[in-house]
Full PDB file with SEQRES, HELIX, SHEET, SSBOND, CRYST1, ORIGX, SCALE, CONECT and MASTER records, all heavy atoms in Angstrom:
SEQRES   1 A   41  ALA ARG ASP GLY MET LEU LEU ASP MET LEU ASP ILE ALA          
SEQRES   2 A   41  ALA ARG ASP GLY LYS PRO TRP VAL GLY ASP LEU PHE ASP          
SEQRES   3 A   41  ASP PHE ALA GLY PHE SER VAL GLY ALA LEU GLY PHE SER          
SEQRES   4 A   41  ILE SER                                                      
HELIX    1 AA1 MET A    5  ASP A   16  1                                  12    
HELIX    2 AA2 LYS A   18  VAL A   21  1                                   4    
HELIX    3 AA3 GLY A   22  PHE A   25  5                                   4    
CRYST1    1.000    1.000    1.000  90.00  90.00  90.00 P 1           1          
ORIGX1      1.000000  0.000000  0.000000        0.00000                         
ORIGX2      0.000000  1.000000  0.000000        0.00000                         
ORIGX3      0.000000  0.000000  1.000000        0.00000                         
SCALE1      1.000000  0.000000  0.000000        0.00000                         
SCALE2      0.000000  1.000000  0.000000        0.00000                         
SCALE3      0.000000  0.000000  1.000000        0.00000                         
ATOM      1  N   ALA A   1      -3.948  13.442 -12.683  1.00  0.00           N  
ATOM      2  CA  ALA A   1      -3.664  14.718 -12.045  1.00  0.00           C  
ATOM      3  C   ALA A   1      -4.438  14.828 -10.734  1.00  0.00           C  
ATOM      4  O   ALA A   1      -5.669  14.782 -10.731  1.00  0.00           O  
ATOM      5  CB  ALA A   1      -4.036  15.871 -12.974  1.00  0.00           C  
ATOM      6  N   ARG A   2      -3.716  14.961  -9.630  1.00  0.00           N  
ATOM      7  CA  ARG A   2      -4.350  15.076  -8.309  1.00  0.00           C  
ATOM      8  C   ARG A   2      -3.296  15.503  -7.300  1.00  0.00           C  
ATOM      9  O   ARG A   2      -2.095  15.500  -7.581  1.00  0.00           O  
ATOM     10  CB  ARG A   2      -4.952  13.736  -7.880  1.00  0.00           C  
ATOM     11  CG  ARG A   2      -3.916  12.631  -7.687  1.00  0.00           C  
ATOM     12  CD  ARG A   2      -4.538  11.343  -7.200  1.00  0.00           C  
ATOM     13  NE  ARG A   2      -3.533  10.333  -6.907  1.00  0.00           N  
ATOM     14  CZ  ARG A   2      -2.887  10.213  -5.734  1.00  0.00           C  
ATOM     15  NH1 ARG A   2      -3.155  11.062  -4.746  1.00  0.00           N  
ATOM     16  NH2 ARG A   2      -1.985   9.264  -5.545  1.00  0.00           N  
ATOM     17  N   ASP A   3      -3.747  15.854  -6.105  1.00  0.00           N  
ATOM     18  CA  ASP A   3      -2.805  16.107  -5.028  1.00  0.00           C  
ATOM     19  C   ASP A   3      -2.029  14.825  -4.750  1.00  0.00           C  
ATOM     20  O   ASP A   3      -2.616  13.745  -4.667  1.00  0.00           O  
ATOM     21  CB  ASP A   3      -3.547  16.544  -3.756  1.00  0.00           C  
ATOM     22  CG  ASP A   3      -4.160  17.931  -3.877  1.00  0.00           C  
ATOM     23  OD1 ASP A   3      -3.620  18.734  -4.650  1.00  0.00           O  
ATOM     24  OD2 ASP A   3      -5.178  18.201  -3.215  1.00  0.00           O  
ATOM     25  N   GLY A   4      -0.733  14.936  -4.622  1.00  0.00           N  
ATOM     26  CA  GLY A   4       0.087  13.760  -4.386  1.00  0.00           C  
ATOM     27  C   GLY A   4       0.682  13.177  -5.645  1.00  0.00           C  
ATOM     28  O   GLY A   4       1.426  12.192  -5.588  1.00  0.00           O  
ATOM     29  N   MET A   5       0.389  13.767  -6.816  1.00  0.00           N  
ATOM     30  CA  MET A   5       0.882  13.203  -8.068  1.00  0.00           C  
ATOM     31  C   MET A   5       2.405  13.303  -8.180  1.00  0.00           C  
ATOM     32  O   MET A   5       3.030  12.495  -8.862  1.00  0.00           O  
ATOM     33  CB  MET A   5       0.211  13.866  -9.268  1.00  0.00           C  
ATOM     34  CG  MET A   5       0.536  15.341  -9.447  1.00  0.00           C  
ATOM     35  SD  MET A   5      -0.300  16.077 -10.891  1.00  0.00           S  
ATOM     36  CE  MET A   5       0.651  15.398 -12.254  1.00  0.00           C  
ATOM     37  N   LEU A   6       3.015  14.283  -7.500  1.00  0.00           N  
ATOM     38  CA  LEU A   6       4.468  14.422  -7.586  1.00  0.00           C  
ATOM     39  C   LEU A   6       5.171  13.233  -6.944  1.00  0.00           C  
ATOM     40  O   LEU A   6       6.132  12.697  -7.496  1.00  0.00           O  
ATOM     41  CB  LEU A   6       4.918  15.724  -6.914  1.00  0.00           C  
ATOM     42  CG  LEU A   6       4.342  17.022  -7.496  1.00  0.00           C  
ATOM     43  CD1 LEU A   6       4.964  18.223  -6.801  1.00  0.00           C  
ATOM     44  CD2 LEU A   6       4.565  17.095  -8.999  1.00  0.00           C  
ATOM     45  N   LEU A   7       4.683  12.836  -5.777  1.00  0.00           N  
ATOM     46  CA  LEU A   7       5.266  11.654  -5.127  1.00  0.00           C  
ATOM     47  C   LEU A   7       5.012  10.400  -5.945  1.00  0.00           C  
ATOM     48  O   LEU A   7       5.884   9.534  -6.068  1.00  0.00           O  
ATOM     49  CB  LEU A   7       4.694  11.495  -3.717  1.00  0.00           C  
ATOM     50  CG  LEU A   7       5.277  12.410  -2.632  1.00  0.00           C  
ATOM     51  CD1 LEU A   7       4.554  12.198  -1.313  1.00  0.00           C  
ATOM     52  CD2 LEU A   7       6.767  12.167  -2.454  1.00  0.00           C  
ATOM     53  N   ASP A   8       3.798  10.288  -6.512  1.00  0.00           N  
ATOM     54  CA  ASP A   8       3.488   9.147  -7.383  1.00  0.00           C  
ATOM     55  C   ASP A   8       4.481   9.088  -8.550  1.00  0.00           C  
ATOM     56  O   ASP A   8       4.986   8.018  -8.911  1.00  0.00           O  
ATOM     57  CB  ASP A   8       2.068   9.260  -7.939  1.00  0.00           C  
ATOM     58  CG  ASP A   8       0.997   9.032  -6.880  1.00  0.00           C  
ATOM     59  OD1 ASP A   8       1.341   8.507  -5.813  1.00  0.00           O  
ATOM     60  OD2 ASP A   8      -0.168   9.384  -7.133  1.00  0.00           O  
ATOM     61  N   MET A   9       4.758  10.247  -9.120  1.00  0.00           N  
ATOM     62  CA  MET A   9       5.645  10.329 -10.270  1.00  0.00           C  
ATOM     63  C   MET A   9       7.055   9.856  -9.924  1.00  0.00           C  
ATOM     64  O   MET A   9       7.676   9.081 -10.656  1.00  0.00           O  
ATOM     65  CB  MET A   9       5.663  11.774 -10.773  1.00  0.00           C  
ATOM     66  CG  MET A   9       6.195  11.954 -12.174  1.00  0.00           C  
ATOM     67  SD  MET A   9       5.942  13.656 -12.739  1.00  0.00           S  
ATOM     68  CE  MET A   9       4.158  13.708 -12.857  1.00  0.00           C  
ATOM     69  N   LEU A  10       7.551  10.327  -8.785  1.00  0.00           N  
ATOM     70  CA  LEU A  10       8.896   9.926  -8.365  1.00  0.00           C  
ATOM     71  C   LEU A  10       8.950   8.447  -8.021  1.00  0.00           C  
ATOM     72  O   LEU A  10       9.927   7.758  -8.332  1.00  0.00           O  
ATOM     73  CB  LEU A  10       9.338  10.766  -7.169  1.00  0.00           C  
ATOM     74  CG  LEU A  10       9.586  12.257  -7.453  1.00  0.00           C  
ATOM     75  CD1 LEU A  10       9.927  12.998  -6.163  1.00  0.00           C  
ATOM     76  CD2 LEU A  10      10.696  12.447  -8.474  1.00  0.00           C  
ATOM     77  N   ASP A  11       7.896   7.954  -7.376  1.00  0.00           N  
ATOM     78  CA  ASP A  11       7.856   6.529  -7.030  1.00  0.00           C  
ATOM     79  C   ASP A  11       7.887   5.654  -8.282  1.00  0.00           C  
ATOM     80  O   ASP A  11       8.605   4.643  -8.349  1.00  0.00           O  
ATOM     81  CB  ASP A  11       6.601   6.209  -6.207  1.00  0.00           C  
ATOM     82  CG  ASP A  11       6.722   6.659  -4.762  1.00  0.00           C  
ATOM     83  OD1 ASP A  11       7.869   6.825  -4.295  1.00  0.00           O  
ATOM     84  OD2 ASP A  11       5.684   6.829  -4.105  1.00  0.00           O  
ATOM     85  N   ILE A  12       7.069   6.020  -9.295  1.00  0.00           N  
ATOM     86  CA  ILE A  12       7.031   5.251 -10.542  1.00  0.00           C  
ATOM     87  C   ILE A  12       8.379   5.320 -11.248  1.00  0.00           C  
ATOM     88  O   ILE A  12       8.904   4.312 -11.732  1.00  0.00           O  
ATOM     89  CB  ILE A  12       5.911   5.772 -11.469  1.00  0.00           C  
ATOM     90  CG1 ILE A  12       4.535   5.512 -10.840  1.00  0.00           C  
ATOM     91  CG2 ILE A  12       5.996   5.111 -12.852  1.00  0.00           C  
ATOM     92  CD1 ILE A  12       3.391   6.205 -11.557  1.00  0.00           C  
ATOM     93  N   ALA A  13       8.955   6.538 -11.303  1.00  0.00           N  
ATOM     94  CA  ALA A  13      10.247   6.714 -11.968  1.00  0.00           C  
ATOM     95  C   ALA A  13      11.333   5.895 -11.289  1.00  0.00           C  
ATOM     96  O   ALA A  13      12.170   5.262 -11.949  1.00  0.00           O  
ATOM     97  CB  ALA A  13      10.629   8.192 -11.983  1.00  0.00           C  
ATOM     98  N   ALA A  14      11.314   5.881  -9.950  1.00  0.00           N  
ATOM     99  CA  ALA A  14      12.329   5.132  -9.197  1.00  0.00           C  
ATOM    100  C   ALA A  14      12.159   3.631  -9.381  1.00  0.00           C  
ATOM    101  O   ALA A  14      13.139   2.899  -9.570  1.00  0.00           O  
ATOM    102  CB  ALA A  14      12.241   5.497  -7.718  1.00  0.00           C  
ATOM    103  N   ARG A  15      10.917   3.177  -9.368  1.00  0.00           N  
ATOM    104  CA  ARG A  15      10.650   1.744  -9.482  1.00  0.00           C  
ATOM    105  C   ARG A  15      10.906   1.233 -10.898  1.00  0.00           C  
ATOM    106  O   ARG A  15      11.664   0.278 -11.106  1.00  0.00           O  
ATOM    107  CB  ARG A  15       9.204   1.471  -9.077  1.00  0.00           C  
ATOM    108  CG  ARG A  15       8.798  -0.009  -9.138  1.00  0.00           C  
ATOM    109  CD  ARG A  15       7.288  -0.137  -9.035  1.00  0.00           C  
ATOM    110  NE  ARG A  15       6.622   0.423 -10.201  1.00  0.00           N  
ATOM    111  CZ  ARG A  15       5.445   1.028 -10.158  1.00  0.00           C  
ATOM    112  NH1 ARG A  15       4.812   1.192  -9.011  1.00  0.00           N  
ATOM    113  NH2 ARG A  15       4.894   1.494 -11.268  1.00  0.00           N  
ATOM    114  N   ASP A  16      10.266   1.887 -11.884  1.00  0.00           N  
ATOM    115  CA  ASP A  16      10.348   1.382 -13.256  1.00  0.00           C  
ATOM    116  C   ASP A  16      11.637   1.789 -13.963  1.00  0.00           C  
ATOM    117  O   ASP A  16      12.018   1.185 -14.963  1.00  0.00           O  
ATOM    118  CB  ASP A  16       9.139   1.867 -14.060  1.00  0.00           C  
ATOM    119  CG  ASP A  16       7.828   1.305 -13.521  1.00  0.00           C  
ATOM    120  OD1 ASP A  16       7.882   0.364 -12.705  1.00  0.00           O  
ATOM    121  OD2 ASP A  16       6.755   1.805 -13.916  1.00  0.00           O  
ATOM    122  N   GLY A  17      12.300   2.824 -13.450  1.00  0.00           N  
ATOM    123  CA  GLY A  17      13.547   3.264 -14.070  1.00  0.00           C  
ATOM    124  C   GLY A  17      14.775   2.547 -13.545  1.00  0.00           C  
ATOM    125  O   GLY A  17      15.874   2.713 -14.075  1.00  0.00           O  
ATOM    126  N   LYS A  18      14.588   1.723 -12.538  1.00  0.00           N  
ATOM    127  CA  LYS A  18      15.725   1.064 -11.894  1.00  0.00           C  
ATOM    128  C   LYS A  18      16.568   0.202 -12.830  1.00  0.00           C  
ATOM    129  O   LYS A  18      17.790   0.136 -12.685  1.00  0.00           O  
ATOM    130  CB  LYS A  18      15.240   0.243 -10.700  1.00  0.00           C  
ATOM    131  CG  LYS A  18      16.360  -0.103  -9.730  1.00  0.00           C  
ATOM    132  CD  LYS A  18      15.814  -0.621  -8.414  1.00  0.00           C  
ATOM    133  CE  LYS A  18      16.956  -0.850  -7.426  1.00  0.00           C  
ATOM    134  NZ  LYS A  18      16.460  -1.303  -6.106  1.00  0.00           N  
ATOM    135  N   PRO A  19      15.976  -0.493 -13.827  1.00  0.00           N  
ATOM    136  CA  PRO A  19      16.810  -1.289 -14.732  1.00  0.00           C  
ATOM    137  C   PRO A  19      17.894  -0.479 -15.449  1.00  0.00           C  
ATOM    138  O   PRO A  19      18.934  -1.016 -15.805  1.00  0.00           O  
ATOM    139  CB  PRO A  19      15.801  -1.852 -15.739  1.00  0.00           C  
ATOM    140  CG  PRO A  19      14.513  -1.894 -14.992  1.00  0.00           C  
ATOM    141  CD  PRO A  19      14.537  -0.684 -14.117  1.00  0.00           C  
ATOM    142  N   TRP A  20      17.653   0.811 -15.675  1.00  0.00           N  
ATOM    143  CA  TRP A  20      18.617   1.649 -16.388  1.00  0.00           C  
ATOM    144  C   TRP A  20      19.478   2.499 -15.451  1.00  0.00           C  
ATOM    145  O   TRP A  20      20.611   2.793 -15.771  1.00  0.00           O  
ATOM    146  CB  TRP A  20      17.889   2.580 -17.363  1.00  0.00           C  
ATOM    147  CG  TRP A  20      17.078   1.851 -18.378  1.00  0.00           C  
ATOM    148  CD1 TRP A  20      17.541   1.069 -19.388  1.00  0.00           C  
ATOM    149  CD2 TRP A  20      15.654   1.829 -18.468  1.00  0.00           C  
ATOM    150  NE1 TRP A  20      16.507   0.562 -20.126  1.00  0.00           N  
ATOM    151  CE2 TRP A  20      15.315   1.012 -19.585  1.00  0.00           C  
ATOM    152  CE3 TRP A  20      14.613   2.425 -17.754  1.00  0.00           C  
ATOM    153  CZ2 TRP A  20      14.001   0.777 -19.978  1.00  0.00           C  
ATOM    154  CZ3 TRP A  20      13.308   2.189 -18.138  1.00  0.00           C  
ATOM    155  CH2 TRP A  20      13.005   1.368 -19.226  1.00  0.00           C  
ATOM    156  N   VAL A  21      18.902   2.917 -14.346  1.00  0.00           N  
ATOM    157  CA  VAL A  21      19.640   3.819 -13.442  1.00  0.00           C  
ATOM    158  C   VAL A  21      19.655   3.241 -12.033  1.00  0.00           C  
ATOM    159  O   VAL A  21      19.493   3.966 -11.044  1.00  0.00           O  
ATOM    160  CB  VAL A  21      19.022   5.241 -13.458  1.00  0.00           C  
ATOM    161  CG1 VAL A  21      19.262   5.917 -14.796  1.00  0.00           C  
ATOM    162  CG2 VAL A  21      17.530   5.198 -13.154  1.00  0.00           C  
ATOM    163  N   GLY A  22      19.864   1.935 -11.936  1.00  0.00           N  
ATOM    164  CA  GLY A  22      19.840   1.274 -10.636  1.00  0.00           C  
ATOM    165  C   GLY A  22      20.841   1.833  -9.666  1.00  0.00           C  
ATOM    166  O   GLY A  22      20.586   1.895  -8.453  1.00  0.00           O  
ATOM    167  N   ASP A  23      21.999   2.290 -10.190  1.00  0.00           N  
ATOM    168  CA  ASP A  23      23.017   2.818  -9.293  1.00  0.00           C  
ATOM    169  C   ASP A  23      22.534   4.068  -8.566  1.00  0.00           C  
ATOM    170  O   ASP A  23      22.987   4.384  -7.472  1.00  0.00           O  
ATOM    171  CB  ASP A  23      24.294   3.129 -10.074  1.00  0.00           C  
ATOM    172  CG  ASP A  23      24.033   4.067 -11.257  1.00  0.00           C  
ATOM    173  OD1 ASP A  23      22.940   3.990 -11.851  1.00  0.00           O  
ATOM    174  OD2 ASP A  23      24.934   4.869 -11.572  1.00  0.00           O  
ATOM    175  N   LEU A  24      21.602   4.778  -9.192  1.00  0.00           N  
ATOM    176  CA  LEU A  24      21.062   5.991  -8.569  1.00  0.00           C  
ATOM    177  C   LEU A  24      20.206   5.655  -7.356  1.00  0.00           C  
ATOM    178  O   LEU A  24      20.031   6.469  -6.458  1.00  0.00           O  
ATOM    179  CB  LEU A  24      20.211   6.756  -9.598  1.00  0.00           C  
ATOM    180  CG  LEU A  24      19.726   8.160  -9.233  1.00  0.00           C  
ATOM    181  CD1 LEU A  24      20.909   9.096  -9.050  1.00  0.00           C  
ATOM    182  CD2 LEU A  24      18.787   8.690 -10.309  1.00  0.00           C  
ATOM    183  N   PHE A  25      19.693   4.402  -7.334  1.00  0.00           N  
ATOM    184  CA  PHE A  25      18.769   4.014  -6.266  1.00  0.00           C  
ATOM    185  C   PHE A  25      19.281   2.858  -5.423  1.00  0.00           C  
ATOM    186  O   PHE A  25      18.510   2.197  -4.733  1.00  0.00           O  
ATOM    187  CB  PHE A  25      17.414   3.632  -6.882  1.00  0.00           C  
ATOM    188  CG  PHE A  25      16.807   4.713  -7.712  1.00  0.00           C  
ATOM    189  CD1 PHE A  25      16.717   4.583  -9.096  1.00  0.00           C  
ATOM    190  CD2 PHE A  25      16.344   5.874  -7.134  1.00  0.00           C  
ATOM    191  CE1 PHE A  25      16.172   5.581  -9.875  1.00  0.00           C  
ATOM    192  CE2 PHE A  25      15.798   6.883  -7.909  1.00  0.00           C  
ATOM    193  CZ  PHE A  25      15.711   6.738  -9.277  1.00  0.00           C  
ATOM    194  N   ASP A  26      20.564   2.602  -5.500  1.00  0.00           N  
ATOM    195  CA  ASP A  26      21.118   1.489  -4.732  1.00  0.00           C  
ATOM    196  C   ASP A  26      20.839   1.611  -3.241  1.00  0.00           C  
ATOM    197  O   ASP A  26      20.597   0.622  -2.553  1.00  0.00           O  
ATOM    198  CB  ASP A  26      22.631   1.371  -4.964  1.00  0.00           C  
ATOM    199  CG  ASP A  26      22.936   0.738  -6.316  1.00  0.00           C  
ATOM    200  OD1 ASP A  26      22.004   0.135  -6.883  1.00  0.00           O  
ATOM    201  OD2 ASP A  26      24.073   0.867  -6.780  1.00  0.00           O  
ATOM    202  N   ASP A  27      20.875   2.843  -2.744  1.00  0.00           N  
ATOM    203  CA  ASP A  27      20.605   3.026  -1.316  1.00  0.00           C  
ATOM    204  C   ASP A  27      19.285   3.755  -1.086  1.00  0.00           C  
ATOM    205  O   ASP A  27      19.063   4.373  -0.063  1.00  0.00           O  
ATOM    206  CB  ASP A  27      21.741   3.803  -0.653  1.00  0.00           C  
ATOM    207  CG  ASP A  27      21.951   5.180  -1.269  1.00  0.00           C  
ATOM    208  OD1 ASP A  27      21.335   5.447  -2.318  1.00  0.00           O  
ATOM    209  OD2 ASP A  27      22.711   5.979  -0.699  1.00  0.00           O  
ATOM    210  N   PHE A  28      18.390   3.628  -2.084  1.00  0.00           N  
ATOM    211  CA  PHE A  28      17.099   4.309  -2.022  1.00  0.00           C  
ATOM    212  C   PHE A  28      16.105   3.540  -1.149  1.00  0.00           C  
ATOM    213  O   PHE A  28      16.008   2.331  -1.225  1.00  0.00           O  
ATOM    214  CB  PHE A  28      16.555   4.434  -3.452  1.00  0.00           C  
ATOM    215  CG  PHE A  28      15.121   4.855  -3.529  1.00  0.00           C  
ATOM    216  CD1 PHE A  28      14.751   6.162  -3.333  1.00  0.00           C  
ATOM    217  CD2 PHE A  28      14.130   3.923  -3.799  1.00  0.00           C  
ATOM    218  CE1 PHE A  28      13.426   6.542  -3.415  1.00  0.00           C  
ATOM    219  CE2 PHE A  28      12.806   4.291  -3.881  1.00  0.00           C  
ATOM    220  CZ  PHE A  28      12.458   5.614  -3.689  1.00  0.00           C  
ATOM    221  N   ALA A  29      15.393   4.262  -0.307  1.00  0.00           N  
ATOM    222  CA  ALA A  29      14.376   3.633   0.537  1.00  0.00           C  
ATOM    223  C   ALA A  29      12.980   4.162   0.238  1.00  0.00           C  
ATOM    224  O   ALA A  29      12.007   3.439   0.266  1.00  0.00           O  
ATOM    225  CB  ALA A  29      14.697   3.827   2.005  1.00  0.00           C  
ATOM    226  N   GLY A  30      12.875   5.448  -0.057  1.00  0.00           N  
ATOM    227  CA  GLY A  30      11.558   5.985  -0.359  1.00  0.00           C  
ATOM    228  C   GLY A  30      11.512   7.492  -0.283  1.00  0.00           C  
ATOM    229  O   GLY A  30      12.371   8.129   0.333  1.00  0.00           O  
ATOM    230  N   PHE A  31      10.501   8.080  -0.948  1.00  0.00           N  
ATOM    231  CA  PHE A  31      10.304   9.519  -0.913  1.00  0.00           C  
ATOM    232  C   PHE A  31       9.233   9.868   0.112  1.00  0.00           C  
ATOM    233  O   PHE A  31       8.335   9.091   0.387  1.00  0.00           O  
ATOM    234  CB  PHE A  31       9.832  10.023  -2.289  1.00  0.00           C  
ATOM    235  CG  PHE A  31      10.858   9.915  -3.370  1.00  0.00           C  
ATOM    236  CD1 PHE A  31      10.793   8.887  -4.302  1.00  0.00           C  
ATOM    237  CD2 PHE A  31      11.882  10.836  -3.466  1.00  0.00           C  
ATOM    238  CE1 PHE A  31      11.722   8.787  -5.318  1.00  0.00           C  
ATOM    239  CE2 PHE A  31      12.826  10.747  -4.480  1.00  0.00           C  
ATOM    240  CZ  PHE A  31      12.742   9.720  -5.410  1.00  0.00           C  
ATOM    241  N   SER A  32       9.311  11.070   0.647  1.00  0.00           N  
ATOM    242  CA  SER A  32       8.254  11.582   1.509  1.00  0.00           C  
ATOM    243  C   SER A  32       8.234  13.092   1.379  1.00  0.00           C  
ATOM    244  O   SER A  32       9.227  13.713   0.996  1.00  0.00           O  
ATOM    245  CB  SER A  32       8.485  11.184   2.977  1.00  0.00           C  
ATOM    246  OG  SER A  32       9.701  11.726   3.448  1.00  0.00           O  
ATOM    247  N   VAL A  33       7.079  13.679   1.682  1.00  0.00           N  
ATOM    248  CA  VAL A  33       6.937  15.127   1.548  1.00  0.00           C  
ATOM    249  C   VAL A  33       7.704  15.817   2.657  1.00  0.00           C  
ATOM    250  O   VAL A  33       7.580  15.472   3.830  1.00  0.00           O  
ATOM    251  CB  VAL A  33       5.449  15.531   1.612  1.00  0.00           C  
ATOM    252  CG1 VAL A  33       5.312  17.045   1.519  1.00  0.00           C  
ATOM    253  CG2 VAL A  33       4.670  14.853   0.487  1.00  0.00           C  
ATOM    254  N   GLY A  34       8.498  16.815   2.277  1.00  0.00           N  
ATOM    255  CA  GLY A  34       9.247  17.576   3.262  1.00  0.00           C  
ATOM    256  C   GLY A  34       8.407  18.674   3.876  1.00  0.00           C  
ATOM    257  O   GLY A  34       7.229  18.836   3.565  1.00  0.00           O  
ATOM    258  N   ALA A  35       9.020  19.448   4.709  1.00  0.00           N  
ATOM    259  CA  ALA A  35       8.284  20.473   5.449  1.00  0.00           C  
ATOM    260  C   ALA A  35       8.100  21.751   4.650  1.00  0.00           C  
ATOM    261  O   ALA A  35       7.244  22.564   4.962  1.00  0.00           O  
ATOM    262  CB  ALA A  35       9.021  20.789   6.751  1.00  0.00           C  
ATOM    263  N   LEU A  36       8.893  21.948   3.598  1.00  0.00           N  
ATOM    264  CA  LEU A  36       8.879  23.223   2.888  1.00  0.00           C  
ATOM    265  C   LEU A  36       8.232  23.086   1.514  1.00  0.00           C  
ATOM    266  O   LEU A  36       8.893  22.765   0.529  1.00  0.00           O  
ATOM    267  CB  LEU A  36      10.317  23.756   2.741  1.00  0.00           C  
ATOM    268  CG  LEU A  36      11.076  23.949   4.061  1.00  0.00           C  
ATOM    269  CD1 LEU A  36      12.522  24.324   3.764  1.00  0.00           C  
ATOM    270  CD2 LEU A  36      10.404  25.009   4.910  1.00  0.00           C  
ATOM    271  N   GLY A  37       6.938  23.284   1.456  1.00  0.00           N  
ATOM    272  CA  GLY A  37       6.231  23.277   0.185  1.00  0.00           C  
ATOM    273  C   GLY A  37       6.464  22.016  -0.614  1.00  0.00           C  
ATOM    274  O   GLY A  37       6.029  20.937  -0.229  1.00  0.00           O  
ATOM    275  N   PHE A  38       7.189  22.151  -1.746  1.00  0.00           N  
ATOM    276  CA  PHE A  38       7.422  21.005  -2.609  1.00  0.00           C  
ATOM    277  C   PHE A  38       8.764  20.350  -2.349  1.00  0.00           C  
ATOM    278  O   PHE A  38       9.300  19.663  -3.200  1.00  0.00           O  
ATOM    279  CB  PHE A  38       7.313  21.429  -4.085  1.00  0.00           C  
ATOM    280  CG  PHE A  38       5.911  21.755  -4.483  1.00  0.00           C  
ATOM    281  CD1 PHE A  38       5.509  23.063  -4.649  1.00  0.00           C  
ATOM    282  CD2 PHE A  38       4.980  20.754  -4.653  1.00  0.00           C  
ATOM    283  CE1 PHE A  38       4.215  23.360  -5.001  1.00  0.00           C  
ATOM    284  CE2 PHE A  38       3.676  21.041  -5.009  1.00  0.00           C  
ATOM    285  CZ  PHE A  38       3.294  22.355  -5.180  1.00  0.00           C  
ATOM    286  N   SER A  39       9.318  20.580  -1.178  1.00  0.00           N  
ATOM    287  CA  SER A  39      10.552  19.871  -0.850  1.00  0.00           C  
ATOM    288  C   SER A  39      10.214  18.409  -0.596  1.00  0.00           C  
ATOM    289  O   SER A  39       9.181  18.079  -0.030  1.00  0.00           O  
ATOM    290  CB  SER A  39      11.219  20.478   0.390  1.00  0.00           C  
ATOM    291  OG  SER A  39      10.417  20.297   1.531  1.00  0.00           O  
ATOM    292  N   ILE A  40      11.082  17.545  -1.061  1.00  0.00           N  
ATOM    293  CA  ILE A  40      10.880  16.106  -0.944  1.00  0.00           C  
ATOM    294  C   ILE A  40      12.071  15.515  -0.207  1.00  0.00           C  
ATOM    295  O   ILE A  40      13.224  15.846  -0.499  1.00  0.00           O  
ATOM    296  CB  ILE A  40      10.767  15.438  -2.329  1.00  0.00           C  
ATOM    297  CG1 ILE A  40       9.713  16.142  -3.192  1.00  0.00           C  
ATOM    298  CG2 ILE A  40      10.480  13.964  -2.209  1.00  0.00           C  
ATOM    299  CD1 ILE A  40       8.289  15.935  -2.755  1.00  0.00           C  
ATOM    300  N   SER A  41      11.799  14.647   0.733  1.00  0.00           N  
ATOM    301  CA  SER A  41      12.875  13.950   1.438  1.00  0.00           C  
ATOM    302  C   SER A  41      13.067  12.575   0.826  1.00  0.00           C  
ATOM    303  O   SER A  41      12.102  11.884   0.517  1.00  0.00           O  
ATOM    304  CB  SER A  41      12.534  13.799   2.924  1.00  0.00           C  
ATOM    305  OG  SER A  41      12.529  15.057   3.565  1.00  0.00           O  
TER     306      SER A  41                                                      
MASTER        0    0    0    3    0    0    0    6  305    1    0    4          
END                                                                             
């Protein structure tokens, strides 16, 4: 638990979840913090 844990969570989910949901990330490049609070790009 720390600042930045949300991005860590999405990164881990995207990386380790790819064997099952690879189609969801076929054109995935990466997450980044958006300008509006917890918005994620």
